C-alpha cells in the first residue's frame, strides 16, 4: 500500500521518464467505519482523496463515486462551523 508521499514520488519519476500515470484514489481503512456504517465512500472523504491525487499531479484519477456524505464529522476527523 502506498501513502501519499510514496505515490507522489512515483508520479514524479514516471513523469520524468515521459510516462502517464493512473492513480487509484480510494480510501480504505477501518478508521472510516462507525456504528456499522462505512464512510469510505462519503462525498467529503472521496473528494479529499481525489484532491490529493490532483495535488500530486496524477494524469488520470480512478475514484469511487460517493454514496453518502458527512464522513469526516461522523468519525470526528474534522470540525464544521455552522
PDB file of N, CA and C in Angstrom:
ATOM      1  N   UNK A   1       0.842  -1.166   0.000  1.00  0.00           N
ATOM      2  CA  UNK A   1       0.000   0.000   0.000  1.00  0.00           C
ATOM      3  C   UNK A   1       0.893   1.235   0.000  1.00  0.00           C
ATOM      4  N   UNK A   2       0.589   2.150  -0.888  1.00  0.00           N
ATOM      5  CA  UNK A   2       1.326   3.400  -0.985  1.00  0.00           C
ATOM      6  C   UNK A   2       0.669   4.460  -0.131  1.00  0.00           C
ATOM      7  N   UNK A   3       1.471   5.291   0.493  1.00  0.00           N
ATOM      8  CA  UNK A   3       0.974   6.508   1.115  1.00  0.00           C
ATOM      9  C   UNK A   3       1.106   7.628   0.100  1.00  0.00           C
ATOM     10  N   UNK A   4       0.637   8.802   0.461  1.00  0.00           N
ATOM     11  CA  UNK A   4       0.656   9.907  -0.499  1.00  0.00           C
ATOM     12  C   UNK A   4       2.073  10.348  -0.852  1.00  0.00           C
ATOM     13  N   UNK A   5       3.019  10.248   0.073  1.00  0.00           N
ATOM     14  CA  UNK A   5       4.400  10.643  -0.226  1.00  0.00           C
ATOM     15  C   UNK A   5       5.010   9.680  -1.248  1.00  0.00           C
ATOM     16  N   UNK A   6       4.814   8.390  -1.034  1.00  0.00           N
ATOM     17  CA  UNK A   6       5.364   7.399  -1.976  1.00  0.00           C
ATOM     18  C   UNK A   6       4.707   7.530  -3.350  1.00  0.00           C
ATOM     19  N   UNK A   7       3.397   7.772  -3.361  1.00  0.00           N
ATOM     20  CA  UNK A   7       2.692   7.939  -4.631  1.00  0.00           C
ATOM     21  C   UNK A   7       3.192   9.173  -5.367  1.00  0.00           C
ATOM     22  N   UNK A   8       3.414  10.271  -4.650  1.00  0.00           N
ATOM     23  CA  UNK A   8       3.911  11.500  -5.272  1.00  0.00           C
ATOM     24  C   UNK A   8       5.281  11.273  -5.902  1.00  0.00           C
ATOM     25  N   UNK A   9       6.142  10.550  -5.211  1.00  0.00           N
ATOM     26  CA  UNK A   9       7.471  10.252  -5.761  1.00  0.00           C
ATOM     27  C   UNK A   9       7.369   9.382  -7.003  1.00  0.00           C
ATOM     28  N   UNK A  10       6.463   8.407  -6.986  1.00  0.00           N
ATOM     29  CA  UNK A  10       6.287   7.522  -8.144  1.00  0.00           C
ATOM     30  C   UNK A  10       5.743   8.294  -9.345  1.00  0.00           C
ATOM     31  N   UNK A  11       4.785   9.186  -9.111  1.00  0.00           N
ATOM     32  CA  UNK A  11       4.226  10.009 -10.195  1.00  0.00           C
ATOM     33  C   UNK A  11       5.305  10.927 -10.759  1.00  0.00           C
ATOM     34  N   UNK A  12       6.075  11.536  -9.891  1.00  0.00           N
ATOM     35  CA  UNK A  12       7.147  12.427 -10.342  1.00  0.00           C
ATOM     36  C   UNK A  12       8.163  11.665 -11.198  1.00  0.00           C
ATOM     37  N   UNK A  13       8.567  10.492 -10.754  1.00  0.00           N
ATOM     38  CA  UNK A  13       9.537   9.684 -11.503  1.00  0.00           C
ATOM     39  C   UNK A  13       8.960   9.262 -12.856  1.00  0.00           C
ATOM     40  N   UNK A  14       7.698   8.858 -12.864  1.00  0.00           N
ATOM     41  CA  UNK A  14       7.057   8.467 -14.121  1.00  0.00           C
ATOM     42  C   UNK A  14       7.037   9.629 -15.104  1.00  0.00           C
ATOM     43  N   UNK A  15       6.720  10.807 -14.622  1.00  0.00           N
ATOM     44  CA  UNK A  15       6.692  11.985 -15.490  1.00  0.00           C
ATOM     45  C   UNK A  15       8.092  12.331 -16.011  1.00  0.00           C
ATOM     46  N   UNK A  16       9.116  12.146 -15.168  1.00  0.00           N
ATOM     47  CA  UNK A  16      10.489  12.366 -15.631  1.00  0.00           C
ATOM     48  C   UNK A  16      10.844  11.428 -16.779  1.00  0.00           C
ATOM     49  N   UNK A  17      10.259  10.229 -16.765  1.00  0.00           N
ATOM     50  CA  UNK A  17      10.517   9.233 -17.803  1.00  0.00           C
ATOM     51  C   UNK A  17       9.570   9.369 -18.990  1.00  0.00           C
ATOM     52  N   UNK A  18       8.697  10.382 -18.945  1.00  0.00           N
ATOM     53  CA  UNK A  18       7.766  10.619 -20.044  1.00  0.00           C
ATOM     54  C   UNK A  18       6.542   9.724 -20.016  1.00  0.00           C
ATOM     55  N   UNK A  19       6.254   9.148 -18.867  1.00  0.00           N
ATOM     56  CA  UNK A  19       5.122   8.232 -18.740  1.00  0.00           C
ATOM     57  C   UNK A  19       3.909   8.942 -18.145  1.00  0.00           C
ATOM     58  N   UNK A  20       2.726   8.514 -18.541  1.00  0.00           N
ATOM     59  CA  UNK A  20       1.489   8.984 -17.924  1.00  0.00           C
ATOM     60  C   UNK A  20       1.227   8.141 -16.672  1.00  0.00           C
ATOM     61  N   UNK A  21       0.420   8.668 -15.773  1.00  0.00           N
ATOM     62  CA  UNK A  21       0.130   7.948 -14.538  1.00  0.00           C
ATOM     63  C   UNK A  21      -1.371   7.816 -14.323  1.00  0.00           C
ATOM     64  N   UNK A  22      -1.758   6.702 -13.764  1.00  0.00           N
ATOM     65  CA  UNK A  22      -3.135   6.460 -13.335  1.00  0.00           C
ATOM     66  C   UNK A  22      -3.066   6.173 -11.849  1.00  0.00           C
ATOM     67  N   UNK A  23      -3.839   6.915 -11.066  1.00  0.00           N
ATOM     68  CA  UNK A  23      -3.794   6.756  -9.619  1.00  0.00           C
ATOM     69  C   UNK A  23      -5.174   6.370  -9.103  1.00  0.00           C
ATOM     70  N   UNK A  24      -5.228   5.272  -8.358  1.00  0.00           N
ATOM     71  CA  UNK A  24      -6.470   4.855  -7.705  1.00  0.00           C
ATOM     72  C   UNK A  24      -6.570   5.643  -6.412  1.00  0.00           C
ATOM     73  N   UNK A  25      -7.551   6.516  -6.307  1.00  0.00           N
ATOM     74  CA  UNK A  25      -7.719   7.357  -5.123  1.00  0.00           C
ATOM     75  C   UNK A  25      -8.868   6.826  -4.277  1.00  0.00           C
ATOM     76  N   UNK A  26      -8.659   5.651  -3.721  1.00  0.00           N
ATOM     77  CA  UNK A  26      -9.663   5.030  -2.865  1.00  0.00           C
ATOM     78  C   UNK A  26      -9.211   5.138  -1.422  1.00  0.00           C
ATOM     79  N   UNK A  27     -10.146   5.402  -0.541  1.00  0.00           N
ATOM     80  CA  UNK A  27      -9.832   5.352   0.882  1.00  0.00           C
ATOM     81  C   UNK A  27     -10.240   3.980   1.398  1.00  0.00           C
ATOM     82  N   UNK A  28      -9.317   3.344   2.077  1.00  0.00           N
ATOM     83  CA  UNK A  28      -9.596   2.025   2.641  1.00  0.00           C
ATOM     84  C   UNK A  28      -8.967   1.946   4.021  1.00  0.00           C
ATOM     85  N   UNK A  29      -9.795   2.068   5.018  1.00  0.00           N
ATOM     86  CA  UNK A  29      -9.313   1.950   6.384  1.00  0.00           C
ATOM     87  C   UNK A  29     -10.491   1.684   7.308  1.00  0.00           C
ATOM     88  N   UNK A  30     -10.271   0.882   8.295  1.00  0.00           N
ATOM     89  CA  UNK A  30     -11.319   0.632   9.279  1.00  0.00           C
ATOM     90  C   UNK A  30     -11.623   1.881  10.099  1.00  0.00           C
ATOM     91  N   UNK A  31     -10.734   2.870  10.072  1.00  0.00           N
ATOM     92  CA  UNK A  31     -10.948   4.116  10.810  1.00  0.00           C
ATOM     93  C   UNK A  31     -12.140   4.903  10.275  1.00  0.00           C
ATOM     94  N   UNK A  32     -12.567   4.624   9.042  1.00  0.00           N
ATOM     95  CA  UNK A  32     -13.697   5.329   8.450  1.00  0.00           C
ATOM     96  C   UNK A  32     -15.003   4.573   8.645  1.00  0.00           C
ATOM     97  N   UNK A  33     -15.012   3.583   9.511  1.00  0.00           N
ATOM     98  CA  UNK A  33     -16.230   2.828   9.810  1.00  0.00           C
ATOM     99  C   UNK A  33     -16.682   3.171  11.222  1.00  0.00           C
ATOM    100  N   UNK A  34     -17.980   3.497  11.345  1.00  0.00           N
ATOM    101  CA  UNK A  34     -18.508   3.843  12.657  1.00  0.00           C
ATOM    102  C   UNK A  34     -19.969   3.410  12.728  1.00  0.00           C
ATOM    103  N   UNK A  35     -20.319   2.785  13.822  1.00  0.00           N
ATOM    104  CA  UNK A  35     -21.693   2.323  14.057  1.00  0.00           C
ATOM    105  C   UNK A  35     -22.209   1.445  12.919  1.00  0.00           C
ATOM    106  N   UNK A  36     -21.337   0.601  12.379  1.00  0.00           N
ATOM    107  CA  UNK A  36     -21.725  -0.321  11.313  1.00  0.00           C
ATOM    108  C   UNK A  36     -21.848   0.311   9.940  1.00  0.00           C
ATOM    109  N   UNK A  37     -21.508   1.582   9.825  1.00  0.00           N
ATOM    110  CA  UNK A  37     -21.588   2.275   8.531  1.00  0.00           C
ATOM    111  C   UNK A  37     -20.180   2.552   8.042  1.00  0.00           C
ATOM    112  N   UNK A  38     -19.957   2.296   6.752  1.00  0.00           N
ATOM    113  CA  UNK A  38     -18.657   2.518   6.142  1.00  0.00           C
ATOM    114  C   UNK A  38     -18.678   3.871   5.430  1.00  0.00           C
ATOM    115  N   UNK A  39     -17.895   4.803   5.927  1.00  0.00           N
ATOM    116  CA  UNK A  39     -17.848   6.146   5.344  1.00  0.00           C
ATOM    117  C   UNK A  39     -16.714   6.315   4.333  1.00  0.00           C
ATOM    118  N   UNK A  40     -16.108   5.215   3.901  1.00  0.00           N
ATOM    119  CA  UNK A  40     -15.042   5.308   2.897  1.00  0.00           C
ATOM    120  C   UNK A  40     -15.539   5.945   1.607  1.00  0.00           C
ATOM    121  N   UNK A  41     -16.832   5.844   1.343  1.00  0.00           N
ATOM    122  CA  UNK A  41     -17.383   6.408   0.113  1.00  0.00           C
ATOM    123  C   UNK A  41     -18.257   7.633   0.376  1.00  0.00           C
ATOM    124  N   UNK A  42     -18.031   8.309   1.500  1.00  0.00           N
ATOM    125  CA  UNK A  42     -18.720   9.581   1.753  1.00  0.00           C
ATOM    126  C   UNK A  42     -18.127  10.655   0.843  1.00  0.00           C
ATOM    127  N   UNK A  43     -18.962  11.563   0.386  1.00  0.00           N
ATOM    128  CA  UNK A  43     -18.525  12.580  -0.582  1.00  0.00           C
ATOM    129  C   UNK A  43     -17.348  13.406  -0.086  1.00  0.00           C
ATOM    130  N   UNK A  44     -17.353  13.779   1.189  1.00  0.00           N
ATOM    131  CA  UNK A  44     -16.254  14.603   1.692  1.00  0.00           C
ATOM    132  C   UNK A  44     -14.947  13.819   1.738  1.00  0.00           C
ATOM    133  N   UNK A  45     -15.013  12.539   2.051  1.00  0.00           N
ATOM    134  CA  UNK A  45     -13.791  11.730   2.137  1.00  0.00           C
ATOM    135  C   UNK A  45     -13.276  11.379   0.749  1.00  0.00           C
ATOM    136  N   UNK A  46     -14.161  10.975  -0.171  1.00  0.00           N
ATOM    137  CA  UNK A  46     -13.702  10.660  -1.533  1.00  0.00           C
ATOM    138  C   UNK A  46     -13.205  11.920  -2.231  1.00  0.00           C
ATOM    139  N   UNK A  47     -13.851  13.064  -1.938  1.00  0.00           N
ATOM    140  CA  UNK A  47     -13.390  14.328  -2.518  1.00  0.00           C
ATOM    141  C   UNK A  47     -11.991  14.678  -2.076  1.00  0.00           C
ATOM    142  N   UNK A  48     -11.686  14.430  -0.818  1.00  0.00           N
ATOM    143  CA  UNK A  48     -10.337  14.695  -0.311  1.00  0.00           C
ATOM    144  C   UNK A  48      -9.324  13.762  -0.973  1.00  0.00           C
ATOM    145  N   UNK A  49      -9.689  12.504  -1.147  1.00  0.00           N
ATOM    146  CA  UNK A  49      -8.791  11.553  -1.814  1.00  0.00           C
ATOM    147  C   UNK A  49      -8.505  12.002  -3.244  1.00  0.00           C
ATOM    148  N   UNK A  50      -9.532  12.451  -3.956  1.00  0.00           N
ATOM    149  CA  UNK A  50      -9.339  12.947  -5.319  1.00  0.00           C
ATOM    150  C   UNK A  50      -8.481  14.204  -5.336  1.00  0.00           C
ATOM    151  N   UNK A  51      -8.677  15.068  -4.361  1.00  0.00           N
ATOM    152  CA  UNK A  51      -7.872  16.293  -4.251  1.00  0.00           C
ATOM    153  C   UNK A  51      -6.384  15.941  -4.100  1.00  0.00           C
ATOM    154  N   UNK A  52      -6.081  14.945  -3.287  1.00  0.00           N
ATOM    155  CA  UNK A  52      -4.683  14.529  -3.121  1.00  0.00           C
ATOM    156  C   UNK A  52      -4.114  14.016  -4.444  1.00  0.00           C
ATOM    157  N   UNK A  53      -4.908  13.259  -5.194  1.00  0.00           N
ATOM    158  CA  UNK A  53      -4.441  12.765  -6.485  1.00  0.00           C
ATOM    159  C   UNK A  53      -4.122  13.888  -7.454  1.00  0.00           C
ATOM    160  N   UNK A  54      -4.956  14.912  -7.473  1.00  0.00           N
ATOM    161  CA  UNK A  54      -4.714  16.078  -8.332  1.00  0.00           C
ATOM    162  C   UNK A  54      -3.480  16.831  -7.855  1.00  0.00           C
ATOM    163  N   UNK A  55      -3.333  16.962  -6.543  1.00  0.00           N
ATOM    164  CA  UNK A  55      -2.211  17.702  -5.976  1.00  0.00           C
ATOM    165  C   UNK A  55      -0.874  17.072  -6.352  1.00  0.00           C
ATOM    166  N   UNK A  56      -0.817  15.741  -6.397  1.00  0.00           N
ATOM    167  CA  UNK A  56       0.451  15.094  -6.765  1.00  0.00           C
ATOM    168  C   UNK A  56       0.567  14.896  -8.273  1.00  0.00           C
ATOM    169  N   UNK A  57      -0.367  15.485  -9.028  1.00  0.00           N
ATOM    170  CA  UNK A  57      -0.310  15.596 -10.484  1.00  0.00           C
ATOM    171  C   UNK A  57      -0.457  14.279 -11.228  1.00  0.00           C
ATOM    172  N   UNK A  58      -1.316  13.394 -10.727  1.00  0.00           N
ATOM    173  CA  UNK A  58      -1.636  12.187 -11.485  1.00  0.00           C
ATOM    174  C   UNK A  58      -2.366  12.596 -12.758  1.00  0.00           C
ATOM    175  N   UNK A  59      -2.120  11.883 -13.842  1.00  0.00           N
ATOM    176  CA  UNK A  59      -2.750  12.236 -15.116  1.00  0.00           C
ATOM    177  C   UNK A  59      -4.201  11.766 -15.181  1.00  0.00           C
ATOM    178  N   UNK A  60      -4.467  10.592 -14.657  1.00  0.00           N
ATOM    179  CA  UNK A  60      -5.822  10.042 -14.595  1.00  0.00           C
ATOM    180  C   UNK A  60      -6.061   9.590 -13.160  1.00  0.00           C
ATOM    181  N   UNK A  61      -7.228   9.917 -12.642  1.00  0.00           N
ATOM    182  CA  UNK A  61      -7.575   9.524 -11.271  1.00  0.00           C
ATOM    183  C   UNK A  61      -8.794   8.622 -11.323  1.00  0.00           C
ATOM    184  N   UNK A  62      -8.644   7.426 -10.778  1.00  0.00           N
ATOM    185  CA  UNK A  62      -9.761   6.492 -10.668  1.00  0.00           C
ATOM    186  C   UNK A  62     -10.351   6.684  -9.286  1.00  0.00           C
ATOM    187  N   UNK A  63     -11.655   6.859  -9.228  1.00  0.00           N
ATOM    188  CA  UNK A  63     -12.284   7.157  -7.955  1.00  0.00           C
ATOM    189  C   UNK A  63     -13.485   6.267  -7.708  1.00  0.00           C
ATOM    190  N   UNK A  64     -13.883   6.192  -6.448  1.00  0.00           N
ATOM    191  CA  UNK A  64     -15.157   5.585  -6.085  1.00  0.00           C
ATOM    192  C   UNK A  64     -16.171   6.710  -6.020  1.00  0.00           C
ATOM    193  N   UNK A  65     -17.327   6.484  -6.602  1.00  0.00           N
ATOM    194  CA  UNK A  65     -18.361   7.509  -6.529  1.00  0.00           C
ATOM    195  C   UNK A  65     -18.941   7.542  -5.117  1.00  0.00           C
ATOM    196  N   UNK A  66     -19.203   8.730  -4.604  1.00  0.00           N
ATOM    197  CA  UNK A  66     -19.744   8.839  -3.246  1.00  0.00           C
ATOM    198  C   UNK A  66     -21.184   8.333  -3.184  1.00  0.00           C
ATOM    199  N   UNK A  67     -21.535   7.784  -2.029  1.00  0.00           N
ATOM    200  CA  UNK A  67     -22.913   7.337  -1.826  1.00  0.00           C
ATOM    201  C   UNK A  67     -23.505   7.876  -0.520  1.00  0.00           C
ATOM    202  N   UNK A  68     -22.752   8.736   0.145  1.00  0.00           N
ATOM    203  CA  UNK A  68     -23.223   9.382   1.374  1.00  0.00           C
ATOM    204  C   UNK A  68     -22.406  10.646   1.564  1.00  0.00           C
ATOM    205  N   UNK A  69     -22.564  11.295   2.702  1.00  0.00           N
ATOM    206  CA  UNK A  69     -21.783  12.497   2.991  1.00  0.00           C
ATOM    207  C   UNK A  69     -21.616  12.612   4.504  1.00  0.00           C
ATOM    208  N   UNK A  70     -20.741  13.486   4.926  1.00  0.00           N
ATOM    209  CA  UNK A  70     -20.561  13.742   6.343  1.00  0.00           C
ATOM    210  C   UNK A  70     -19.643  12.766   7.044  1.00  0.00           C
ATOM    211  N   UNK A  71     -18.796  12.107   6.297  1.00  0.00           N
ATOM    212  CA  UNK A  71     -17.897  11.123   6.889  1.00  0.00           C
ATOM    213  C   UNK A  71     -16.920  11.712   7.879  1.00  0.00           C
ATOM    214  N   UNK A  72     -16.278  12.810   7.519  1.00  0.00           N
ATOM    215  CA  UNK A  72     -15.266  13.394   8.399  1.00  0.00           C
ATOM    216  C   UNK A  72     -15.856  13.823   9.745  1.00  0.00           C
ATOM    217  N   UNK A  73     -17.037  14.446   9.735  1.00  0.00           N
ATOM    218  CA  UNK A  73     -17.620  14.877  11.003  1.00  0.00           C
ATOM    219  C   UNK A  73     -18.120  13.679  11.810  1.00  0.00           C
ATOM    220  N   UNK A  74     -18.642  12.656  11.147  1.00  0.00           N
ATOM    221  CA  UNK A  74     -19.150  11.479  11.856  1.00  0.00           C
ATOM    222  C   UNK A  74     -18.038  10.722  12.561  1.00  0.00           C
ATOM    223  N   UNK A  75     -16.868  10.625  11.914  1.00  0.00           N
ATOM    224  CA  UNK A  75     -15.757   9.895  12.540  1.00  0.00           C
ATOM    225  C   UNK A  75     -14.881  10.821  13.386  1.00  0.00           C
ATOM    226  N   UNK A  76     -15.358  12.056  13.577  1.00  0.00           N
ATOM    227  CA  UNK A  76     -14.657  13.056  14.395  1.00  0.00           C
ATOM    228  C   UNK A  76     -13.253  13.361  13.887  1.00  0.00           C
ATOM    229  N   UNK A  77     -13.123  13.487  12.579  1.00  0.00           N
ATOM    230  CA  UNK A  77     -11.842  13.814  11.972  1.00  0.00           C
ATOM    231  C   UNK A  77     -11.714  15.306  11.722  1.00  0.00           C
ATOM    232  N   UNK A  78     -12.836  15.993  11.619  1.00  0.00           N
ATOM    233  CA  UNK A  78     -12.796  17.425  11.341  1.00  0.00           C
ATOM    234  C   UNK A  78     -13.942  18.113  12.073  1.00  0.00           C
ATOM    235  N   UNK A  79     -13.910  19.430  12.046  1.00  0.00           N
ATOM    236  CA  UNK A  79     -14.962  20.213  12.664  1.00  0.00           C
ATOM    237  C   UNK A  79     -15.658  21.029  11.586  1.00  0.00           C
ATOM    238  N   UNK A  80     -16.933  21.249  11.781  1.00  0.00           N
ATOM    239  CA  UNK A  80     -17.715  22.032  10.853  1.00  0.00           C
ATOM    240  C   UNK A  80     -18.268  23.233  11.594  1.00  0.00           C
ATOM    241  N   UNK A  81     -18.117  24.397  11.009  1.00  0.00           N
ATOM    242  CA  UNK A  81     -18.723  25.588  11.579  1.00  0.00           C
ATOM    243  C   UNK A  81     -20.022  25.869  10.864  1.00  0.00           C
ATOM    244  N   UNK A  82     -20.998  26.245  11.620  1.00  0.00           N
ATOM    245  CA  UNK A  82     -22.311  26.499  11.012  1.00  0.00           C
ATOM    246  C   UNK A  82     -22.760  27.896  11.333  1.00  0.00           C
TER     247      UNK A  82
END
